[in-house]
Amino acid sequence: MTTQTPLERFYNFLKLDRKDIYQIFFYAIFSGLVSLSLPLGIQAIINLIQSARVSVSWVVLVVVVVIGVALVGILSIMQLRITENLQQKIFIRSSFEFGYRLPKIKFEELYNQYPPELANRFFETLTIQKGISKLLIDFSTALLQITFGILLLSLYHPFFIFFGILLLVLLYSIFRFSYQSGLSTSLKESKYKYKVVGWLQEIARNNFSFRKKENFEFALQKNDLLVSEYLNYREKHFNVIKRQFSQLIIFKIIITASLLLIGGFLVIKQQMNIGQFVAAEIIILLVINSVEKIIVGLETFYDVITSIEKIGQISDLKTEESNSKTIETCLTKINLEAENISFKFPDSNNNVLNKINLKIDAAEKIILDGDNGSGKTTLIRILSGLIKPNSGSFFINDDTYQKMDLNQYRSQIGTIIQGETPFEGTILENITFNNPLVSPEDLKWAIEGVELGSFIKSLPKGLDTKIFPEGKQLSSSNSQKILLARSIINKPKVLFYEDPLDKMDELTANKIIDFITNPKYHWTVIVVCKNPYWSQKCSRKITLSQGQIIADEQNNLIC
């Protein structure tokens, strides 16, 4: 996939709403024509007054000019309505884009990335909303007024054709020689803006750690360094904008002086009458103001381009592919097989797993053992479909001809990954995800099975109790129990657990292990945990060392 340039992203972004944009341009064209017809009306009125002919024609012209002003206002309101609809669509589309992509981004793409920081990019949507509205209305109107103004002025005198050419050269030069530096400084400014936000997020997430005086000072020092870098690039970006505006001021001074002198000279030489002179000056002022709108609006243009680029970087992250050709089947059991699986992380030269060969039959209860860094967590994440091996094959039910779709496989498994926490919502939502197929009986079974019942009964709102992000108001053990209930609520075929009980007391943990490993539940269990009771209750123990299986033992001590 080729990476798009910022301008290409901007163009493709606008293409999504081209019908709305065409409407805005249509109203801008009509508004521009009406606006530029006003000087002609004023010219005719002045000519009538000069000739001392106050008649019905003069009154009609006054009425027409007033109607023109009102019509321009009405057209502006219609443009605002369209841009408001456009802003709403941008927000909706962006929110669903993030909501769809964030859970599906490939593991390799998220490696060395902090997902909550990526989610912060959504706030660029607000910049795009406001910026696009301003650009479409102001830029379209300004460009059309410049175009029509130059055409109208050329009818008064050939000299004004030179004025039009000079204007176009000015606009091109300013954009041509400032675009790259303006965009580059804007992108770097945005980069450090997110670094500042990311660090503030870290301070908020670990606020207890930063209460100590020395730690507090470190937090402020690091914030100061990041803010200094932000201000450095912000100042560089401002200098680009200031240079553009300075060029505009110089241009305005020269053009205004030249046109007043030359216009006056043409009137004296009777090549223009006073009405034409006044109308021409009005048109020139409109054109110059339009040029000023475009130059001043370039800062908004840079902001919008930068925001689209930042969001586009999220869209560029590869997501998991779903095989639409697979046929969903009703699975009664799941057998897993790994054949010569190897894996290494993107920034590493050494394999975490090296040629793993493994067969797991349905309903087996397996504990993965080994020292830290032996590859247990990586193996369980490959088996659960979270990451893909760099080489080797992973088979589900030995189906090498019609591969099972990843979504179908995930619908048959339950997982608890290290670092996983409850999300903001009710306890019921956290366990069931509002799945209408979950019966009250299954809900009660899951809650009682993981020893969560007494806690829920103690809550005034029971299952409707709201949980804060990361389950902050819950004890660690109750957070784990909610995750356990979630993992079994749909009665999956396979359970993958990473330290699912490490926050619980021994008695409670052992009761839950007894429940999970009960032979009457025919699910497969694959767990990474140091709790020795798992070893007693599991039917198989697989030991890893330095990315290889060094022991695969059947356990005959099941009670």
Protein backbone atom coordinates (compact mmCIF):
# COMPACT_ATOMS: atom_id res chain seq x y z
CA MET A 1 0.00 0.00 0.00
CA THR A 2 1.52 3.33 -1.11
CA THR A 3 1.46 6.20 1.35
CA GLN A 4 -0.51 9.20 0.17
CA THR A 5 0.85 12.73 0.28
CA PRO A 6 -0.97 15.20 2.56
CA LEU A 7 -2.51 16.95 -0.47
CA GLU A 8 -3.70 13.62 -1.89
CA ARG A 9 -5.30 12.79 1.46
CA PHE A 10 -7.00 16.19 1.44
CA TYR A 11 -8.34 15.67 -2.07
CA ASN A 12 -9.60 12.15 -1.31
CA PHE A 13 -11.16 13.42 1.90
CA LEU A 14 -13.15 16.03 -0.02
CA LYS A 15 -14.22 13.47 -2.63
CA LEU A 16 -16.30 11.68 0.01
CA ASP A 17 -18.66 14.68 0.21
CA ARG A 18 -18.36 16.04 -3.30
CA LYS A 19 -22.13 16.56 -3.69
CA ASP A 20 -22.20 18.87 -0.67
CA ILE A 21 -19.07 20.64 -1.88
CA TYR A 22 -20.57 21.15 -5.35
CA GLN A 23 -23.60 22.77 -3.68
CA ILE A 24 -21.35 25.08 -1.68
CA PHE A 25 -19.50 26.06 -4.87
CA PHE A 26 -22.79 26.64 -6.68
CA TYR A 27 -23.99 29.02 -3.96
CA ALA A 28 -20.55 30.66 -3.88
CA ILE A 29 -20.68 31.26 -7.65
CA PHE A 30 -24.17 32.73 -7.43
CA SER A 31 -23.21 34.80 -4.38
CA GLY A 32 -20.05 36.03 -6.12
CA LEU A 33 -22.00 37.10 -9.19
CA VAL A 34 -24.56 38.95 -7.09
CA SER A 35 -21.81 40.61 -5.01
CA LEU A 36 -20.01 41.83 -8.09
CA SER A 37 -23.23 43.05 -9.69
CA LEU A 38 -23.63 45.47 -6.79
CA PRO A 39 -20.79 47.77 -7.94
CA LEU A 40 -22.46 47.93 -11.36
CA GLY A 41 -25.71 48.98 -9.72
CA ILE A 42 -23.86 51.58 -7.65
CA GLN A 43 -22.14 52.82 -10.82
CA ALA A 44 -25.52 53.28 -12.54
CA ILE A 45 -26.96 55.07 -9.50
CA ILE A 46 -23.99 57.49 -9.38
CA ASN A 47 -24.32 58.18 -13.08
CA LEU A 48 -28.05 58.99 -12.63
CA ILE A 49 -27.31 61.26 -9.67
CA GLN A 50 -24.54 63.04 -11.60
CA SER A 51 -26.92 63.73 -14.46
CA ALA A 52 -29.46 65.06 -11.92
CA ARG A 53 -32.04 62.59 -13.11
CA VAL A 54 -33.92 61.36 -10.06
CA SER A 55 -36.49 59.04 -11.56
CA VAL A 56 -38.23 55.71 -11.14
CA SER A 57 -35.13 54.07 -12.66
CA TRP A 58 -33.00 55.40 -9.78
CA VAL A 59 -35.44 54.05 -7.17
CA VAL A 60 -35.59 50.69 -8.93
CA LEU A 61 -31.79 50.47 -8.95
CA VAL A 62 -31.66 51.21 -5.22
CA VAL A 63 -34.22 48.46 -4.58
CA VAL A 64 -32.27 46.03 -6.77
CA VAL A 65 -29.02 46.77 -4.87
CA VAL A 66 -30.75 46.20 -1.50
CA ILE A 67 -32.30 42.95 -2.76
CA GLY A 68 -28.83 41.88 -3.92
CA VAL A 69 -27.40 42.45 -0.42
CA ALA A 70 -30.26 40.44 1.11
CA LEU A 71 -29.81 37.66 -1.44
CA VAL A 72 -26.11 37.36 -0.63
CA GLY A 73 -27.06 36.99 3.05
CA ILE A 74 -29.61 34.26 2.26
CA LEU A 75 -27.06 32.38 0.13
CA SER A 76 -24.57 32.58 3.03
CA ILE A 77 -27.14 31.00 5.38
CA MET A 78 -27.73 28.20 2.86
CA GLN A 79 -23.97 27.60 2.70
CA LEU A 80 -23.82 27.47 6.51
CA ARG A 81 -26.56 24.80 6.55
CA ILE A 82 -24.66 22.63 4.10
CA THR A 83 -21.36 23.03 5.95
CA GLU A 84 -23.08 22.16 9.23
CA ASN A 85 -24.35 18.93 7.66
CA LEU A 86 -20.83 18.33 6.36
CA GLN A 87 -19.31 18.84 9.83
CA GLN A 88 -21.74 16.37 11.35
CA LYS A 89 -20.94 13.77 8.68
CA ILE A 90 -17.20 14.26 9.23
CA PHE A 91 -17.61 13.66 12.97
CA ILE A 92 -19.79 10.57 12.49
CA ARG A 93 -17.52 9.09 9.84
CA SER A 94 -14.39 9.73 11.87
CA SER A 95 -15.83 8.24 15.08
CA PHE A 96 -16.86 5.04 13.30
CA GLU A 97 -13.53 4.90 11.45
CA PHE A 98 -11.70 4.92 14.79
CA GLY A 99 -14.24 2.63 16.45
CA TYR A 100 -13.90 0.11 13.64
CA ARG A 101 -10.14 0.24 13.23
CA LEU A 102 -8.77 0.41 16.78
CA PRO A 103 -9.86 -3.13 17.78
CA LYS A 104 -8.73 -4.59 14.43
CA ILE A 105 -5.27 -3.06 14.01
CA LYS A 106 -2.65 -5.76 13.59
CA PHE A 107 -0.37 -6.52 16.51
CA GLU A 108 2.74 -5.67 14.48
CA GLU A 109 1.32 -2.23 13.68
CA LEU A 110 0.67 -1.49 17.35
CA TYR A 111 4.08 -2.72 18.49
CA ASN A 112 5.87 0.14 20.28
CA GLN A 113 2.68 2.22 19.99
CA TYR A 114 0.41 3.31 22.83
CA PRO A 115 -3.18 2.74 21.63
CA PRO A 116 -4.79 5.41 23.90
CA GLU A 117 -2.38 7.96 22.39
CA LEU A 118 -3.50 6.91 18.91
CA ALA A 119 -7.10 7.35 20.01
CA ASN A 120 -6.26 10.97 20.94
CA ARG A 121 -5.86 11.67 17.23
CA PHE A 122 -9.64 11.65 17.02
CA PHE A 123 -9.61 15.21 18.35
CA GLU A 124 -8.11 16.26 15.01
CA THR A 125 -11.64 15.70 13.73
CA LEU A 126 -12.71 18.91 15.49
CA THR A 127 -10.02 20.87 13.65
CA ILE A 128 -11.10 19.33 10.35
CA GLN A 129 -14.77 20.15 11.05
CA LYS A 130 -14.17 23.83 11.67
CA GLY A 131 -11.36 24.18 9.15
CA ILE A 132 -13.18 22.54 6.24
CA SER A 133 -16.21 24.76 6.82
CA LYS A 134 -14.07 27.88 6.77
CA LEU A 135 -12.05 26.78 3.75
CA LEU A 136 -15.04 25.79 1.65
CA ILE A 137 -16.98 28.98 2.30
CA ASP A 138 -14.18 31.57 2.51
CA PHE A 139 -11.84 30.09 -0.09
CA SER A 140 -14.52 29.30 -2.65
CA THR A 141 -16.12 32.72 -2.29
CA ALA A 142 -12.75 34.49 -2.35
CA LEU A 143 -11.44 32.63 -5.39
CA LEU A 144 -14.63 33.24 -7.33
CA GLN A 145 -14.71 36.93 -6.39
CA ILE A 146 -11.11 37.29 -7.57
CA THR A 147 -11.90 35.53 -10.85
CA PHE A 148 -15.11 37.42 -11.58
CA GLY A 149 -13.61 40.67 -10.32
CA ILE A 150 -10.64 40.46 -12.69
CA LEU A 151 -12.95 39.64 -15.62
CA LEU A 152 -15.21 42.59 -14.78
CA LEU A 153 -12.31 45.00 -14.30
CA SER A 154 -10.84 44.04 -17.67
CA LEU A 155 -14.00 45.42 -19.27
CA TYR A 156 -13.27 48.87 -17.83
CA HIS A 157 -9.70 49.16 -19.11
CA PRO A 158 -6.99 46.79 -20.48
CA PHE A 159 -4.68 47.91 -17.67
CA PHE A 160 -6.71 45.88 -15.19
CA ILE A 161 -5.76 42.69 -17.07
CA PHE A 162 -2.20 43.32 -15.85
CA PHE A 163 -3.60 43.73 -12.34
CA GLY A 164 -5.26 40.32 -12.60
CA ILE A 165 -2.09 38.62 -13.85
CA LEU A 166 -0.13 40.19 -11.00
CA LEU A 167 -2.65 38.86 -8.50
CA LEU A 168 -2.44 35.32 -9.82
CA VAL A 169 1.38 35.42 -9.78
CA LEU A 170 1.27 36.67 -6.18
CA LEU A 171 -1.02 33.87 -5.00
CA TYR A 172 0.98 31.21 -6.80
CA SER A 173 4.30 32.51 -5.47
CA ILE A 174 3.13 32.69 -1.87
CA PHE A 175 1.73 29.15 -2.01
CA ARG A 176 4.59 27.70 -4.07
CA PHE A 177 7.39 28.95 -1.83
CA SER A 178 5.63 28.60 1.54
CA TYR A 179 3.65 25.38 1.27
CA GLN A 180 6.40 22.87 2.14
CA SER A 181 7.82 24.85 5.05
CA GLY A 182 4.33 25.67 6.33
CA LEU A 183 3.22 22.04 6.22
CA SER A 184 6.48 20.70 7.65
CA THR A 185 6.43 23.02 10.67
CA SER A 186 2.73 22.36 11.19
CA LEU A 187 3.31 18.57 11.26
CA LYS A 188 6.21 18.88 13.71
CA GLU A 189 4.21 21.23 15.88
CA SER A 190 1.38 18.67 15.91
CA LYS A 191 3.84 15.87 16.76
CA TYR A 192 4.99 17.63 19.92
CA LYS A 193 1.45 18.64 20.76
CA TYR A 194 0.63 14.95 21.03
CA LYS A 195 3.81 14.27 22.98
CA VAL A 196 2.69 16.86 25.54
CA VAL A 197 -0.81 15.35 25.69
CA GLY A 198 0.67 11.86 25.96
CA TRP A 199 2.89 12.86 28.87
CA LEU A 200 -0.01 14.58 30.67
CA GLN A 201 -1.96 11.37 30.15
CA GLU A 202 0.89 9.43 31.80
CA ILE A 203 0.90 11.84 34.74
CA ALA A 204 -2.86 11.42 35.14
CA ARG A 205 -2.65 7.63 34.82
CA ASN A 206 0.13 7.40 37.45
CA ASN A 207 -0.87 10.40 39.55
CA PHE A 208 0.05 8.69 42.83
CA SER A 209 3.60 8.06 41.60
CA PHE A 210 4.11 11.77 40.86
CA ARG A 211 2.95 13.10 44.24
CA LYS A 212 6.38 12.71 45.77
CA LYS A 213 8.28 16.00 45.47
CA GLU A 214 11.23 14.65 43.44
CA ASN A 215 8.90 12.76 41.09
CA PHE A 216 6.65 15.80 40.76
CA GLU A 217 9.62 17.94 39.73
CA PHE A 218 10.66 15.32 37.17
CA ALA A 219 7.15 15.39 35.69
CA LEU A 220 7.28 19.18 35.31
CA GLN A 221 10.82 19.10 33.88
CA LYS A 222 9.84 16.61 31.22
CA ASN A 223 6.70 18.60 30.48
CA ASP A 224 8.86 21.72 30.14
CA LEU A 225 11.15 19.99 27.60
CA LEU A 226 8.21 18.81 25.50
CA VAL A 227 6.47 22.19 25.65
CA SER A 228 9.74 23.91 24.63
CA GLU A 229 9.96 21.72 21.53
CA TYR A 230 6.32 22.44 20.76
CA LEU A 231 6.88 26.19 21.09
CA ASN A 232 9.99 25.95 18.91
CA TYR A 233 8.06 24.47 15.98
CA ARG A 234 5.02 26.62 16.71
CA GLU A 235 7.22 29.70 16.40
CA LYS A 236 8.72 28.41 13.14
CA HIS A 237 5.22 27.82 11.79
CA PHE A 238 4.16 31.30 12.88
CA ASN A 239 7.14 32.79 11.03
CA VAL A 240 5.90 31.15 7.82
CA ILE A 241 2.44 32.66 8.34
CA LYS A 242 3.95 36.04 9.26
CA ARG A 243 6.08 36.04 6.11
CA GLN A 244 3.04 35.30 3.97
CA PHE A 245 1.04 38.07 5.61
CA SER A 246 3.93 40.53 5.28
CA GLN A 247 4.06 39.84 1.55
CA LEU A 248 0.33 40.51 1.37
CA ILE A 249 0.64 43.86 3.18
CA ILE A 250 3.38 45.01 0.81
CA PHE A 251 1.26 43.92 -2.13
CA LYS A 252 -1.80 45.79 -0.81
CA ILE A 253 0.17 49.01 -0.36
CA ILE A 254 1.60 48.89 -3.87
CA ILE A 255 -1.64 47.86 -5.57
CA THR A 256 -3.83 50.34 -3.66
CA ALA A 257 -1.53 53.27 -4.41
CA SER A 258 -1.09 52.26 -8.05
CA LEU A 259 -4.79 51.74 -8.72
CA LEU A 260 -5.85 55.00 -7.08
CA LEU A 261 -3.29 56.95 -9.09
CA ILE A 262 -3.97 55.18 -12.38
CA GLY A 263 -7.75 55.18 -11.84
CA GLY A 264 -7.67 58.92 -11.14
CA PHE A 265 -5.50 59.46 -14.21
CA LEU A 266 -7.99 57.52 -16.40
CA VAL A 267 -10.88 59.64 -15.04
CA ILE A 268 -8.96 62.87 -15.74
CA LYS A 269 -8.21 61.66 -19.25
CA GLN A 270 -11.93 60.83 -19.58
CA GLN A 271 -11.20 57.19 -20.35
CA MET A 272 -13.44 56.34 -17.37
CA ASN A 273 -16.34 58.23 -15.86
CA ILE A 274 -16.66 58.82 -12.11
CA GLY A 275 -19.26 56.03 -11.75
CA GLN A 276 -16.94 53.52 -13.40
CA PHE A 277 -14.06 54.73 -11.22
CA VAL A 278 -16.06 54.22 -7.99
CA ALA A 279 -17.32 50.81 -9.18
CA ALA A 280 -13.79 49.74 -10.16
CA GLU A 281 -12.42 50.77 -6.77
CA ILE A 282 -15.17 48.80 -5.01
CA ILE A 283 -14.36 45.73 -7.12
CA ILE A 284 -10.62 46.19 -6.45
CA LEU A 285 -11.27 46.38 -2.71
CA LEU A 286 -13.39 43.22 -2.92
CA VAL A 287 -10.63 41.43 -4.82
CA ILE A 288 -7.89 42.57 -2.42
CA ASN A 289 -10.00 41.53 0.57
CA SER A 290 -10.54 38.17 -1.11
CA VAL A 291 -6.78 37.77 -1.57
CA GLU A 292 -6.33 38.67 2.11
CA LYS A 293 -8.90 36.01 3.09
CA ILE A 294 -6.96 33.37 1.19
CA ILE A 295 -3.57 34.36 2.64
CA VAL A 296 -4.91 34.55 6.20
CA GLY A 297 -6.81 31.32 5.63
CA LEU A 298 -3.61 29.46 4.72
CA GLU A 299 -3.05 28.84 8.45
CA THR A 300 -6.41 27.09 8.54
CA PHE A 301 -5.41 25.19 5.40
CA TYR A 302 -2.20 23.97 7.07
CA ASP A 303 -4.16 22.96 10.17
CA VAL A 304 -6.68 20.95 8.13
CA ILE A 305 -3.99 19.27 6.01
CA THR A 306 -2.04 18.38 9.18
CA SER A 307 -5.15 17.01 10.90
CA ILE A 308 -6.08 14.88 7.89
CA GLU A 309 -2.50 13.60 7.77
CA LYS A 310 -2.52 12.68 11.49
CA ILE A 311 -5.82 10.81 11.16
CA GLY A 312 -4.61 9.30 7.89
CA GLN A 313 -1.67 7.76 9.75
CA ILE A 314 -4.20 5.77 11.79
CA SER A 315 -6.05 4.75 8.62
CA ASP A 316 -2.74 3.55 7.16
CA LEU A 317 -2.25 1.03 9.97
CA LYS A 318 -3.04 -2.40 8.62
CA THR A 319 -6.05 -4.18 10.07
CA GLU A 320 -6.72 -7.88 10.37
CA GLU A 321 -8.16 -9.41 7.25
CA SER A 322 -11.29 -11.49 7.40
CA ASN A 323 -11.69 -14.36 4.95
CA SER A 324 -15.15 -13.74 3.51
CA LYS A 325 -15.07 -17.02 1.58
CA THR A 326 -15.00 -19.22 4.66
CA ILE A 327 -18.13 -21.18 5.49
CA GLU A 328 -19.34 -20.87 9.06
CA THR A 329 -19.91 -24.24 10.66
CA CYS A 330 -21.33 -25.35 13.94
CA LEU A 331 -18.25 -26.55 15.82
CA THR A 332 -18.71 -29.26 18.40
CA LYS A 333 -15.03 -29.30 19.32
CA ILE A 334 -11.79 -27.54 18.45
CA ASN A 335 -8.39 -29.17 18.01
CA LEU A 336 -5.33 -26.96 17.65
CA GLU A 337 -2.01 -27.72 16.01
CA ALA A 338 1.18 -25.68 15.68
CA GLU A 339 3.72 -26.81 13.11
CA ASN A 340 7.25 -25.36 13.14
CA ILE A 341 6.01 -22.01 14.50
CA SER A 342 8.62 -19.30 14.97
CA PHE A 343 8.13 -15.72 16.04
CA LYS A 344 10.23 -12.63 16.66
CA PHE A 345 9.24 -9.07 17.47
CA PRO A 346 9.67 -6.36 14.81
CA ASP A 347 12.68 -4.70 16.48
CA SER A 348 14.45 -7.95 17.42
CA ASN A 349 16.86 -10.23 15.58
CA ASN A 350 16.25 -13.21 17.87
CA ASN A 351 13.26 -15.53 17.84
CA VAL A 352 11.02 -15.53 20.91
CA LEU A 353 9.62 -18.86 19.69
CA ASN A 354 11.68 -21.24 17.60
CA LYS A 355 10.09 -24.09 15.61
CA ILE A 356 7.32 -24.96 18.04
CA ASN A 357 5.44 -28.19 17.25
CA LEU A 358 2.35 -28.80 19.34
CA LYS A 359 -0.99 -30.61 19.19
CA ILE A 360 -3.86 -29.77 21.53
CA ASP A 361 -6.96 -31.93 21.61
CA ALA A 362 -10.43 -30.72 22.58
CA ALA A 363 -11.18 -30.53 26.33
CA GLU A 364 -7.53 -30.70 27.40
CA LYS A 365 -6.54 -28.62 30.43
CA ILE A 366 -3.02 -27.32 29.84
CA ILE A 367 -0.68 -25.13 31.86
CA LEU A 368 2.25 -23.44 30.14
CA ASP A 369 5.30 -23.26 32.41
CA GLY A 370 8.75 -21.74 32.11
CA ASP A 371 10.96 -18.88 33.22
CA ASN A 372 10.27 -15.26 32.33
CA GLY A 373 11.06 -14.68 28.66
CA SER A 374 10.72 -18.33 27.74
CA GLY A 375 7.93 -17.57 25.23
CA LYS A 376 4.80 -18.64 27.15
CA THR A 377 2.87 -15.41 26.61
CA THR A 378 3.82 -15.23 22.94
CA LEU A 379 2.72 -18.82 22.35
CA ILE A 380 -0.65 -18.33 24.03
CA ARG A 381 -1.25 -15.20 21.97
CA ILE A 382 -0.48 -17.02 18.74
CA LEU A 383 -2.80 -19.89 19.72
CA SER A 384 -5.55 -17.40 20.57
CA GLY A 385 -5.19 -15.67 17.19
CA LEU A 386 -3.99 -12.35 18.63
CA ILE A 387 -0.72 -12.42 16.71
CA LYS A 388 0.53 -14.36 13.72
CA PRO A 389 3.75 -16.39 13.60
CA ASN A 390 6.56 -15.21 11.32
CA SER A 391 6.93 -18.71 9.98
CA GLY A 392 5.30 -22.10 10.37
CA SER A 393 1.61 -22.98 10.36
CA PHE A 394 -1.23 -22.86 12.86
CA PHE A 395 -4.12 -25.23 12.16
CA ILE A 396 -7.59 -25.30 13.68
CA ASN A 397 -9.20 -28.74 13.44
CA ASP A 398 -6.43 -29.61 10.95
CA ASP A 399 -8.40 -27.77 8.30
CA THR A 400 -5.75 -26.91 5.73
CA TYR A 401 -8.13 -26.52 2.78
CA GLN A 402 -10.91 -24.26 4.05
CA LYS A 403 -9.36 -21.98 6.64
CA MET A 404 -11.53 -20.99 9.56
CA ASP A 405 -12.25 -17.27 9.62
CA LEU A 406 -10.53 -15.44 12.49
CA ASN A 407 -13.82 -13.91 13.63
CA GLN A 408 -15.46 -17.33 13.68
CA TYR A 409 -12.58 -18.73 15.73
CA ARG A 410 -12.75 -15.87 18.21
CA SER A 411 -16.47 -16.44 18.68
CA GLN A 412 -15.54 -19.89 20.02
CA ILE A 413 -12.87 -18.82 22.53
CA GLY A 414 -12.63 -16.89 25.78
CA THR A 415 -9.50 -14.94 26.72
CA ILE A 416 -7.93 -12.95 29.51
CA ILE A 417 -4.82 -11.13 28.32
CA GLN A 418 -2.38 -9.62 30.81
CA GLY A 419 -3.14 -5.94 31.38
CA GLU A 420 -6.79 -6.31 30.32
CA THR A 421 -9.22 -4.39 32.53
CA PRO A 422 -12.97 -3.71 32.64
CA PHE A 423 -14.16 -0.87 30.43
CA GLU A 424 -16.40 2.06 31.35
CA GLY A 425 -19.95 0.79 31.58
CA THR A 426 -22.13 -1.34 33.82
CA ILE A 427 -21.06 -4.67 35.26
CA LEU A 428 -23.70 -6.31 33.06
CA GLU A 429 -22.28 -4.67 29.92
CA ASN A 430 -18.77 -5.73 30.90
CA ILE A 431 -19.80 -9.35 31.24
CA THR A 432 -22.29 -9.76 28.38
CA PHE A 433 -21.56 -6.85 25.99
CA ASN A 434 -25.37 -6.61 25.88
CA ASN A 435 -25.54 -9.86 23.93
CA PRO A 436 -29.30 -10.66 23.71
CA LEU A 437 -28.54 -14.39 23.39
CA VAL A 438 -27.19 -14.56 26.94
CA SER A 439 -29.92 -16.02 29.13
CA PRO A 440 -30.44 -15.09 32.81
CA GLU A 441 -29.56 -18.67 33.70
CA ASP A 442 -26.20 -18.47 31.88
CA LEU A 443 -25.50 -15.10 33.50
CA LYS A 444 -26.16 -16.49 36.98
CA TRP A 445 -24.06 -19.58 36.21
CA ALA A 446 -21.06 -17.48 35.11
CA ILE A 447 -21.30 -15.09 38.07
CA GLU A 448 -21.57 -17.85 40.65
CA GLY A 449 -18.85 -19.91 38.95
CA VAL A 450 -16.23 -17.18 39.37
CA GLU A 451 -17.27 -16.30 42.95
CA LEU A 452 -18.67 -12.89 41.94
CA GLY A 453 -22.21 -13.31 43.30
CA SER A 454 -21.71 -12.03 46.85
CA PHE A 455 -20.00 -8.86 45.59
CA ILE A 456 -22.77 -8.02 43.12
CA LYS A 457 -25.45 -8.63 45.77
CA SER A 458 -23.71 -6.12 48.04
CA LEU A 459 -24.05 -3.35 45.44
CA PRO A 460 -27.16 -1.11 45.61
CA LYS A 461 -27.60 -1.24 41.82
CA GLY A 462 -26.32 -4.79 41.37
CA LEU A 463 -25.45 -5.58 37.76
CA ASP A 464 -26.39 -2.04 36.73
CA THR A 465 -23.55 -0.58 38.80
CA LYS A 466 -21.37 1.68 36.67
CA ILE A 467 -17.69 0.84 36.40
CA PHE A 468 -15.10 3.57 35.91
CA PRO A 469 -12.45 3.19 33.17
CA GLU A 470 -10.00 0.39 34.04
CA GLY A 471 -12.31 -0.60 36.91
CA LYS A 472 -10.75 2.01 39.17
CA GLN A 473 -13.35 1.77 41.94
CA LEU A 474 -13.15 -2.03 42.06
CA SER A 475 -10.68 -4.19 43.91
CA SER A 476 -8.17 -6.01 41.72
CA SER A 477 -9.75 -9.37 42.54
CA ASN A 478 -13.26 -8.25 41.58
CA SER A 479 -11.94 -6.79 38.31
CA GLN A 480 -10.44 -10.19 37.52
CA LYS A 481 -13.68 -11.97 38.43
CA ILE A 482 -15.59 -9.76 35.97
CA LEU A 483 -13.09 -10.65 33.24
CA LEU A 484 -13.42 -14.34 34.13
CA ALA A 485 -17.22 -14.18 33.96
CA ARG A 486 -16.91 -12.43 30.57
CA SER A 487 -14.59 -15.15 29.27
CA ILE A 488 -17.03 -18.01 30.00
CA ILE A 489 -20.43 -16.35 29.56
CA ASN A 490 -20.85 -17.68 25.99
CA LYS A 491 -19.61 -21.17 26.96
CA PRO A 492 -16.66 -21.14 24.55
CA LYS A 493 -14.77 -24.16 23.24
CA VAL A 494 -11.32 -22.87 24.30
CA LEU A 495 -10.15 -20.66 27.18
CA PHE A 496 -6.84 -18.78 27.00
CA TYR A 497 -5.69 -17.27 30.29
CA GLU A 498 -2.67 -15.15 31.24
CA ASP A 499 -2.37 -14.91 35.04
CA PRO A 500 -6.16 -14.76 35.49
CA LEU A 501 -6.13 -15.18 39.31
CA ASP A 502 -2.93 -13.51 40.50
CA LYS A 503 -4.83 -10.77 42.42
CA MET A 504 -6.98 -13.19 44.46
CA ASP A 505 -6.50 -14.91 47.77
CA GLU A 506 -5.55 -18.58 47.65
CA LEU A 507 -8.90 -19.99 48.78
CA THR A 508 -10.95 -18.03 46.22
CA ALA A 509 -8.45 -18.74 43.44
CA ASN A 510 -8.56 -22.48 44.15
CA LYS A 511 -12.38 -22.52 44.06
CA ILE A 512 -12.35 -20.82 40.65
CA ILE A 513 -9.67 -23.21 39.36
CA ASP A 514 -11.83 -26.13 40.47
CA PHE A 515 -14.74 -24.63 38.53
CA ILE A 516 -12.74 -23.89 35.37
CA THR A 517 -11.08 -27.33 35.28
CA ASN A 518 -14.21 -29.31 36.14
CA PRO A 519 -14.40 -32.25 33.67
CA LYS A 520 -18.10 -31.62 33.06
CA TYR A 521 -17.13 -28.47 31.12
CA HIS A 522 -15.71 -29.70 27.86
CA TRP A 523 -13.82 -26.58 26.99
CA THR A 524 -10.07 -26.63 26.39
CA VAL A 525 -8.09 -24.59 28.91
CA ILE A 526 -4.63 -23.16 28.14
CA VAL A 527 -3.27 -21.07 31.00
CA VAL A 528 -0.07 -19.25 31.91
CA CYS A 529 0.08 -18.88 35.68
CA LYS A 530 2.45 -19.41 38.62
CA ASN A 531 -0.30 -20.65 40.94
CA PRO A 532 0.78 -24.26 41.71
CA TYR A 533 -2.84 -25.39 42.03
CA TRP A 534 -3.25 -25.07 38.25
CA SER A 535 -0.51 -27.69 37.84
CA GLN A 536 -2.47 -30.07 40.05
CA LYS A 537 -5.76 -29.61 38.21
CA CYS A 538 -4.51 -29.48 34.62
CA SER A 539 -4.17 -32.68 32.59
CA ARG A 540 -1.02 -31.53 30.82
CA LYS A 541 2.00 -29.38 31.57
CA ILE A 542 4.11 -27.88 28.76
CA THR A 543 7.42 -26.32 29.76
CA LEU A 544 9.21 -23.77 27.59
CA SER A 545 12.76 -22.48 27.72
CA GLN A 546 14.34 -19.95 25.37
CA GLY A 547 11.49 -20.24 22.90
CA GLN A 548 11.43 -24.02 22.69
CA ILE A 549 9.36 -26.78 24.30
CA ILE A 550 11.66 -28.74 26.61
CA ALA A 551 8.99 -30.84 28.32
CA ASP A 552 5.45 -31.97 27.53
CA GLU A 553 4.06 -34.03 30.38
CA GLN A 554 0.71 -35.66 31.10
CA ASN A 555 -0.53 -35.10 34.63
CA ASN A 556 -2.05 -38.11 36.37
CA LEU A 557 -2.84 -36.28 39.61
CA ILE A 558 -6.25 -34.90 38.60
CA CYS A 559 -8.73 -35.04 41.47
